[in-house]
């Protein structure tokens, strides 16, 4: 029994991939860049107690739809009050169907709830990957605000198979990523 593709997966196959083949001149469908995975990451304070760690992991699991992996320090760093093997954060890597479901919820539900939202920054990492920082994770409907004692930030990284930033930007834009428009800077006039 085969699984039904998610609406966003179907949109990628029927609209995005053909549009990229046309605009970029790809000869083979396997050249078309695709979204490989989405990584969610958050940090946990070095002074955090077991309850805070458990709450953060629970909230990350609710947002991602799967159990997070706890990040641990490898060595002691006195300036940061860090001991070896201390929990410093947690992350989740989403692939396949869960990745497409998360992307749909992010684009359709979470991002539009940000107050005074004008789009996400238009800067990629130079290798076709894109990371956005969310300062308040309560934009996700799975999080109950009354149960949270602290605010948690979240990094969301979109890893694509694109070789350049332009390819990745076009892919993400066609998938529905609301990039900010780059406003042209007015030309400076010299007063003579």
Protein backbone atom coordinates (compact mmCIF):
# COMPACT_ATOMS: atom_id res chain seq x y z
CA UNK A 1 0.00 0.00 0.00
CA UNK A 2 1.52 3.32 -1.08
CA UNK A 3 1.22 6.49 0.98
CA UNK A 4 -0.59 9.49 -0.43
CA UNK A 5 1.70 12.51 -0.96
CA UNK A 6 1.04 15.55 1.20
CA UNK A 7 -0.49 18.60 -0.56
CA UNK A 8 2.88 20.40 -0.49
CA UNK A 9 4.67 17.33 -1.90
CA UNK A 10 2.09 17.20 -4.68
CA UNK A 11 2.60 20.94 -5.32
CA UNK A 12 6.37 20.35 -5.56
CA UNK A 13 5.97 17.49 -8.05
CA UNK A 14 3.31 19.14 -10.21
CA UNK A 15 4.26 22.83 -10.14
CA UNK A 16 7.61 23.60 -8.51
CA UNK A 17 9.82 21.00 -10.23
CA UNK A 18 8.50 21.77 -13.75
CA UNK A 19 8.85 25.52 -13.10
CA UNK A 20 12.47 25.04 -11.98
CA UNK A 21 13.21 22.85 -15.02
CA UNK A 22 11.89 25.59 -17.29
CA UNK A 23 13.54 28.56 -15.56
CA UNK A 24 16.91 26.88 -14.94
CA UNK A 25 17.06 24.82 -18.14
CA UNK A 26 17.56 21.45 -16.46
CA UNK A 27 17.54 18.55 -18.91
CA UNK A 28 16.87 15.84 -16.32
CA UNK A 29 14.34 15.80 -13.46
CA UNK A 30 17.07 14.57 -11.11
CA UNK A 31 18.95 17.87 -11.55
CA UNK A 32 16.06 19.79 -10.00
CA UNK A 33 16.91 20.85 -6.43
CA UNK A 34 14.73 19.45 -3.69
CA UNK A 35 14.23 19.89 0.01
CA UNK A 36 16.22 17.13 1.73
CA UNK A 37 15.55 17.79 5.41
CA UNK A 38 14.50 20.37 7.97
CA UNK A 39 16.44 20.64 11.23
CA UNK A 40 14.92 22.30 14.31
CA UNK A 41 17.35 23.33 17.04
CA UNK A 42 17.09 25.10 20.38
CA UNK A 43 19.48 25.84 23.20
CA UNK A 44 19.02 25.23 26.91
CA UNK A 45 20.67 27.37 29.56
CA UNK A 46 23.54 25.84 31.53
CA UNK A 47 21.64 26.69 34.75
CA UNK A 48 18.52 24.83 33.59
CA UNK A 49 17.04 22.24 35.94
CA UNK A 50 15.59 18.86 34.97
CA UNK A 51 12.05 20.26 34.69
CA UNK A 52 13.14 22.98 32.25
CA UNK A 53 15.00 20.42 30.14
CA UNK A 54 11.97 18.11 30.14
CA UNK A 55 9.61 21.00 29.25
CA UNK A 56 11.86 22.12 26.40
CA UNK A 57 12.13 18.59 25.01
CA UNK A 58 8.35 18.14 25.31
CA UNK A 59 7.63 21.41 23.49
CA UNK A 60 10.15 20.60 20.76
CA UNK A 61 8.51 17.19 20.34
CA UNK A 62 5.08 18.82 20.03
CA UNK A 63 6.31 21.27 17.40
CA UNK A 64 8.19 18.68 15.35
CA UNK A 65 5.90 15.70 15.82
CA UNK A 66 8.76 13.43 16.84
CA UNK A 67 11.03 12.96 19.85
CA UNK A 68 13.99 15.36 19.98
CA UNK A 69 17.63 14.41 20.56
CA UNK A 70 19.33 16.11 23.50
CA UNK A 71 22.62 17.88 22.70
CA UNK A 72 25.39 17.39 25.25
CA UNK A 73 28.66 19.26 25.74
CA UNK A 74 31.84 17.41 24.87
CA UNK A 75 34.17 19.22 27.25
CA UNK A 76 34.17 21.70 30.13
CA UNK A 77 34.27 25.43 29.41
CA UNK A 78 34.61 27.43 32.63
CA UNK A 79 33.64 30.79 31.10
CA UNK A 80 30.23 29.37 30.13
CA UNK A 81 29.80 27.34 33.35
CA UNK A 82 29.74 24.23 31.20
CA UNK A 83 30.62 20.77 32.47
CA UNK A 84 31.39 17.70 30.36
CA UNK A 85 28.29 15.80 29.16
CA UNK A 86 25.94 18.60 30.27
CA UNK A 87 22.73 19.10 28.27
CA UNK A 88 23.02 22.26 26.15
CA UNK A 89 19.98 21.98 23.87
CA UNK A 90 17.96 19.66 21.70
CA UNK A 91 17.33 19.15 18.01
CA UNK A 92 15.04 17.28 15.64
CA UNK A 93 15.77 16.30 12.04
CA UNK A 94 12.67 15.95 9.86
CA UNK A 95 12.67 14.04 6.58
CA UNK A 96 10.04 12.65 4.26
CA UNK A 97 6.38 13.04 5.06
CA UNK A 98 6.93 14.61 8.51
CA UNK A 99 9.17 17.26 6.89
CA UNK A 100 6.44 18.21 4.39
CA UNK A 101 3.77 18.33 7.13
CA UNK A 102 5.96 20.59 9.28
CA UNK A 103 6.72 22.90 6.35
CA UNK A 104 3.00 23.20 5.58
CA UNK A 105 2.21 24.09 9.22
CA UNK A 106 5.07 26.59 9.34
CA UNK A 107 4.05 28.40 6.14
CA UNK A 108 0.27 28.27 6.56
CA UNK A 109 -0.21 28.58 10.32
CA UNK A 110 2.87 29.61 12.33
CA UNK A 111 4.54 32.38 10.31
CA UNK A 112 1.29 34.31 9.60
CA UNK A 113 0.63 34.58 13.36
CA UNK A 114 3.80 36.64 13.95
CA UNK A 115 2.86 40.21 14.80
CA UNK A 116 3.91 42.78 12.15
CA UNK A 117 5.22 39.98 9.93
CA UNK A 118 6.86 41.36 6.79
CA UNK A 119 8.49 38.17 5.54
CA UNK A 120 11.56 36.16 6.41
CA UNK A 121 15.12 37.37 5.72
CA UNK A 122 16.43 36.73 2.23
CA UNK A 123 19.94 35.50 3.22
CA UNK A 124 21.17 31.96 2.54
CA UNK A 125 24.42 30.33 3.67
CA UNK A 126 26.28 30.13 0.34
CA UNK A 127 25.72 26.38 -0.07
CA UNK A 128 21.99 26.31 -0.81
CA UNK A 129 20.78 26.00 2.78
CA UNK A 130 18.53 28.45 4.60
CA UNK A 131 18.14 29.10 8.33
CA UNK A 132 15.59 31.27 10.07
CA UNK A 133 15.44 32.11 13.75
CA UNK A 134 12.14 32.17 15.58
CA UNK A 135 12.38 34.19 18.79
CA UNK A 136 9.12 32.97 20.29
CA UNK A 137 8.05 29.37 19.75
CA UNK A 138 4.47 30.05 20.88
CA UNK A 139 3.60 30.90 17.25
CA UNK A 140 3.03 27.16 16.83
CA UNK A 141 -0.55 26.16 17.75
CA UNK A 142 0.65 22.98 19.52
CA UNK A 143 2.20 25.05 22.31
CA UNK A 144 -0.09 26.09 25.16
CA UNK A 145 1.11 29.48 26.39
CA UNK A 146 -0.23 29.02 29.93
CA UNK A 147 1.95 25.92 30.49
CA UNK A 148 5.23 27.66 29.64
CA UNK A 149 7.31 29.42 32.24
CA UNK A 150 10.00 30.64 29.88
CA UNK A 151 10.36 31.81 26.30
CA UNK A 152 12.22 29.53 23.92
CA UNK A 153 13.85 30.49 20.65
CA UNK A 154 14.14 28.11 17.74
CA UNK A 155 16.41 27.79 14.70
CA UNK A 156 14.89 26.17 11.63
CA UNK A 157 17.33 25.05 8.91
CA UNK A 158 16.15 24.01 5.45
CA UNK A 159 18.73 21.75 3.79
CA UNK A 160 18.32 21.58 0.01
CA UNK A 161 20.14 19.74 -2.75
CA UNK A 162 20.67 23.04 -4.57
CA UNK A 163 24.24 23.91 -5.49
CA UNK A 164 23.80 27.68 -5.34
CA UNK A 165 21.87 30.13 -3.19
CA UNK A 166 19.86 31.35 -6.18
CA UNK A 167 18.59 27.85 -6.93
CA UNK A 168 17.69 27.27 -3.28
CA UNK A 169 16.00 30.68 -2.98
CA UNK A 170 13.90 30.00 -6.09
CA UNK A 171 12.97 26.52 -4.79
CA UNK A 172 11.90 27.86 -1.38
CA UNK A 173 10.05 30.80 -2.93
CA UNK A 174 8.08 28.47 -5.22
CA UNK A 175 7.25 26.28 -2.20
CA UNK A 176 5.72 29.35 -0.54
CA UNK A 177 8.50 30.78 1.67
CA UNK A 178 7.52 34.42 2.29
CA UNK A 179 10.86 36.15 1.65
CA UNK A 180 11.11 39.88 2.31
CA UNK A 181 11.37 42.02 -0.74
CA UNK A 182 14.72 43.66 -1.13
CA UNK A 183 14.05 47.36 -1.31
CA UNK A 184 16.28 49.12 -3.84
CA UNK A 185 18.50 51.68 -2.19
CA UNK A 186 18.00 55.17 -3.58
CA UNK A 187 20.88 56.41 -5.73
CA UNK A 188 23.00 59.01 -3.99
CA UNK A 189 23.14 62.33 -5.71
CA UNK A 190 26.13 64.52 -5.29
CA UNK A 191 25.49 68.18 -4.56
CA UNK A 192 27.75 70.30 -6.70
